[in-house]
Amino acid sequence: KKRKTQVGEENPSRRYANNRIKTTKYTVLSFLPKNLFEQFHRLANVYFVFIALLNFVPVVNTFLPELALAPVLFILSVTAIKDIWEDYRRHRSDMEINHMDCLVYSR
């Protein structure tokens, strides 16, 4: 027979939901795929990569193909570094908030 609990009586085996705040977008493993996915959703990035790759075709080649990739790789790298920094700052803020003291209401 199951025992009925009284109002206000706590069930010790009850699992509570985690109330931690997590605003970060990336993990160590998901950073590269997610970040590249986000960056190539910007039409300008796709366009410039296409133009840089077009320089590897001998008929269309206008100058050194490796030189054409440099600006695109620079922009993608700077954006990735900026995203890492922002996510790290979010992580620090989350940790600070999650370790704050709080008041718990108890009858």
C-alpha atoms as a PDB file:
ATOM      1  CA  LYS A   1       0.000   0.000   0.000  1.00  0.00           C
ATOM      2  CA  LYS A   2       1.235   3.478  -0.865  1.00  0.00           C
ATOM      3  CA  ARG A   3       1.293   5.934   1.944  1.00  0.00           C
ATOM      4  CA  LYS A   4      -0.357   9.264   1.272  1.00  0.00           C
ATOM      5  CA  THR A   5       1.769  12.263   2.111  1.00  0.00           C
ATOM      6  CA  GLN A   6       0.420  15.164   4.096  1.00  0.00           C
ATOM      7  CA  VAL A   7       0.404  18.671   2.653  1.00  0.00           C
ATOM      8  CA  GLY A   8       3.818  20.194   3.272  1.00  0.00           C
ATOM      9  CA  GLU A   9       5.470  16.823   3.903  1.00  0.00           C
ATOM     10  CA  GLU A  10       8.431  16.372   1.584  1.00  0.00           C
ATOM     11  CA  ASN A  11       9.203  13.215  -0.296  1.00  0.00           C
ATOM     12  CA  PRO A  12      12.958  12.649   0.209  1.00  0.00           C
ATOM     13  CA  SER A  13      13.335  10.620  -2.990  1.00  0.00           C
ATOM     14  CA  ARG A  14      11.816  13.338  -5.147  1.00  0.00           C
ATOM     15  CA  ARG A  15      14.199  14.755  -7.741  1.00  0.00           C
ATOM     16  CA  TYR A  16      14.174  18.492  -8.252  1.00  0.00           C
ATOM     17  CA  ALA A  17      14.829  20.248 -11.519  1.00  0.00           C
ATOM     18  CA  ASN A  18      18.189  21.870 -11.975  1.00  0.00           C
ATOM     19  CA  ASN A  19      17.836  25.626 -11.667  1.00  0.00           C
ATOM     20  CA  ARG A  20      21.284  26.575 -12.922  1.00  0.00           C
ATOM     21  CA  ILE A  21      21.550  29.335 -15.469  1.00  0.00           C
ATOM     22  CA  LYS A  22      23.338  28.436 -18.705  1.00  0.00           C
ATOM     23  CA  THR A  23      23.483  31.050 -21.442  1.00  0.00           C
ATOM     24  CA  THR A  24      26.549  29.778 -23.298  1.00  0.00           C
ATOM     25  CA  LYS A  25      26.121  28.693 -26.913  1.00  0.00           C
ATOM     26  CA  TYR A  26      29.093  26.386 -27.301  1.00  0.00           C
ATOM     27  CA  THR A  27      30.949  23.520 -25.679  1.00  0.00           C
ATOM     28  CA  VAL A  28      34.557  22.613 -26.447  1.00  0.00           C
ATOM     29  CA  LEU A  29      33.439  19.950 -28.920  1.00  0.00           C
ATOM     30  CA  SER A  30      30.594  21.872 -30.525  1.00  0.00           C
ATOM     31  CA  PHE A  31      32.394  25.183 -31.077  1.00  0.00           C
ATOM     32  CA  LEU A  32      33.918  24.596 -34.510  1.00  0.00           C
ATOM     33  CA  PRO A  33      30.892  23.018 -36.234  1.00  0.00           C
ATOM     34  CA  LYS A  34      28.361  25.422 -34.700  1.00  0.00           C
ATOM     35  CA  ASN A  35      30.485  28.480 -35.334  1.00  0.00           C
ATOM     36  CA  LEU A  36      31.189  27.590 -38.968  1.00  0.00           C
ATOM     37  CA  PHE A  37      27.488  26.830 -39.463  1.00  0.00           C
ATOM     38  CA  GLU A  38      26.556  30.257 -38.080  1.00  0.00           C
ATOM     39  CA  GLN A  39      29.209  32.065 -40.097  1.00  0.00           C
ATOM     40  CA  PHE A  40      28.232  30.436 -43.381  1.00  0.00           C
ATOM     41  CA  HIS A  41      24.614  31.415 -42.818  1.00  0.00           C
ATOM     42  CA  ARG A  42      25.799  34.938 -43.601  1.00  0.00           C
ATOM     43  CA  LEU A  43      25.530  35.356 -47.339  1.00  0.00           C
ATOM     44  CA  ALA A  44      28.595  37.631 -47.510  1.00  0.00           C
ATOM     45  CA  ASN A  45      30.853  34.909 -46.090  1.00  0.00           C
ATOM     46  CA  VAL A  46      29.565  32.358 -48.589  1.00  0.00           C
ATOM     47  CA  TYR A  47      30.097  34.836 -51.431  1.00  0.00           C
ATOM     48  CA  PHE A  48      33.702  35.628 -50.493  1.00  0.00           C
ATOM     49  CA  VAL A  49      34.590  31.963 -50.008  1.00  0.00           C
ATOM     50  CA  PHE A  50      33.084  31.248 -53.431  1.00  0.00           C
ATOM     51  CA  ILE A  51      35.165  34.037 -55.017  1.00  0.00           C
ATOM     52  CA  ALA A  52      38.313  32.789 -53.272  1.00  0.00           C
ATOM     53  CA  LEU A  53      37.689  29.206 -54.420  1.00  0.00           C
ATOM     54  CA  LEU A  54      37.026  30.458 -57.944  1.00  0.00           C
ATOM     55  CA  ASN A  55      40.646  31.679 -58.026  1.00  0.00           C
ATOM     56  CA  PHE A  56      41.775  28.045 -57.887  1.00  0.00           C
ATOM     57  CA  VAL A  57      40.196  27.434 -61.329  1.00  0.00           C
ATOM     58  CA  PRO A  58      42.975  28.121 -63.887  1.00  0.00           C
ATOM     59  CA  VAL A  59      40.644  29.710 -66.462  1.00  0.00           C
ATOM     60  CA  VAL A  60      39.246  32.279 -64.000  1.00  0.00           C
ATOM     61  CA  ASN A  61      42.426  32.737 -61.961  1.00  0.00           C
ATOM     62  CA  THR A  62      43.211  36.465 -61.563  1.00  0.00           C
ATOM     63  CA  PHE A  63      45.989  36.366 -58.966  1.00  0.00           C
ATOM     64  CA  LEU A  64      47.539  33.983 -56.455  1.00  0.00           C
ATOM     65  CA  PRO A  65      44.793  31.646 -55.147  1.00  0.00           C
ATOM     66  CA  GLU A  66      46.402  31.453 -51.696  1.00  0.00           C
ATOM     67  CA  LEU A  67      46.301  35.229 -51.473  1.00  0.00           C
ATOM     68  CA  ALA A  68      42.575  35.241 -52.236  1.00  0.00           C
ATOM     69  CA  LEU A  69      41.893  32.962 -49.252  1.00  0.00           C
ATOM     70  CA  ALA A  70      43.784  35.181 -46.784  1.00  0.00           C
ATOM     71  CA  PRO A  71      41.094  37.877 -46.241  1.00  0.00           C
ATOM     72  CA  VAL A  72      38.306  35.297 -45.936  1.00  0.00           C
ATOM     73  CA  LEU A  73      40.262  33.210 -43.442  1.00  0.00           C
ATOM     74  CA  PHE A  74      41.173  36.355 -41.507  1.00  0.00           C
ATOM     75  CA  ILE A  75      37.520  37.440 -41.213  1.00  0.00           C
ATOM     76  CA  LEU A  76      36.378  33.928 -40.221  1.00  0.00           C
ATOM     77  CA  SER A  77      39.161  33.702 -37.617  1.00  0.00           C
ATOM     78  CA  VAL A  78      38.481  37.111 -36.093  1.00  0.00           C
ATOM     79  CA  THR A  79      34.765  36.341 -35.880  1.00  0.00           C
ATOM     80  CA  ALA A  80      35.483  32.959 -34.266  1.00  0.00           C
ATOM     81  CA  ILE A  81      37.804  34.558 -31.692  1.00  0.00           C
ATOM     82  CA  LYS A  82      35.151  37.188 -30.928  1.00  0.00           C
ATOM     83  CA  ASP A  83      32.532  34.439 -30.469  1.00  0.00           C
ATOM     84  CA  ILE A  84      34.856  32.477 -28.158  1.00  0.00           C
ATOM     85  CA  TRP A  85      35.457  35.586 -26.056  1.00  0.00           C
ATOM     86  CA  GLU A  86      31.739  36.411 -25.798  1.00  0.00           C
ATOM     87  CA  ASP A  87      30.893  32.818 -24.863  1.00  0.00           C
ATOM     88  CA  TYR A  88      33.649  32.781 -22.234  1.00  0.00           C
ATOM     89  CA  ARG A  89      32.264  35.991 -20.715  1.00  0.00           C
ATOM     90  CA  ARG A  90      28.777  34.418 -20.661  1.00  0.00           C
ATOM     91  CA  HIS A  91      30.245  31.353 -18.942  1.00  0.00           C
ATOM     92  CA  ARG A  92      31.935  33.505 -16.269  1.00  0.00           C
ATOM     93  CA  SER A  93      28.719  35.430 -15.685  1.00  0.00           C
ATOM     94  CA  ASP A  94      26.733  32.180 -15.406  1.00  0.00           C
ATOM     95  CA  MET A  95      29.201  30.790 -12.872  1.00  0.00           C
ATOM     96  CA  GLU A  96      29.017  33.982 -10.817  1.00  0.00           C
ATOM     97  CA  ILE A  97      25.217  33.940 -10.774  1.00  0.00           C
ATOM     98  CA  ASN A  98      25.005  30.197 -10.088  1.00  0.00           C
ATOM     99  CA  HIS A  99      27.281  30.528  -7.044  1.00  0.00           C
ATOM    100  CA  MET A 100      25.414  33.430  -5.466  1.00  0.00           C
ATOM    101  CA  ASP A 101      23.755  32.967  -2.119  1.00  0.00           C
ATOM    102  CA  CYS A 102      19.997  32.909  -2.243  1.00  0.00           C
ATOM    103  CA  LEU A 103      17.110  32.848   0.160  1.00  0.00           C
ATOM    104  CA  VAL A 104      14.870  29.790   0.206  1.00  0.00           C
ATOM    105  CA  TYR A 105      11.297  30.061   1.418  1.00  0.00           C
ATOM    106  CA  SER A 106      10.354  27.421   3.925  1.00  0.00           C
ATOM    107  CA  ARG A 107       7.164  27.191   5.926  1.00  0.00           C
END
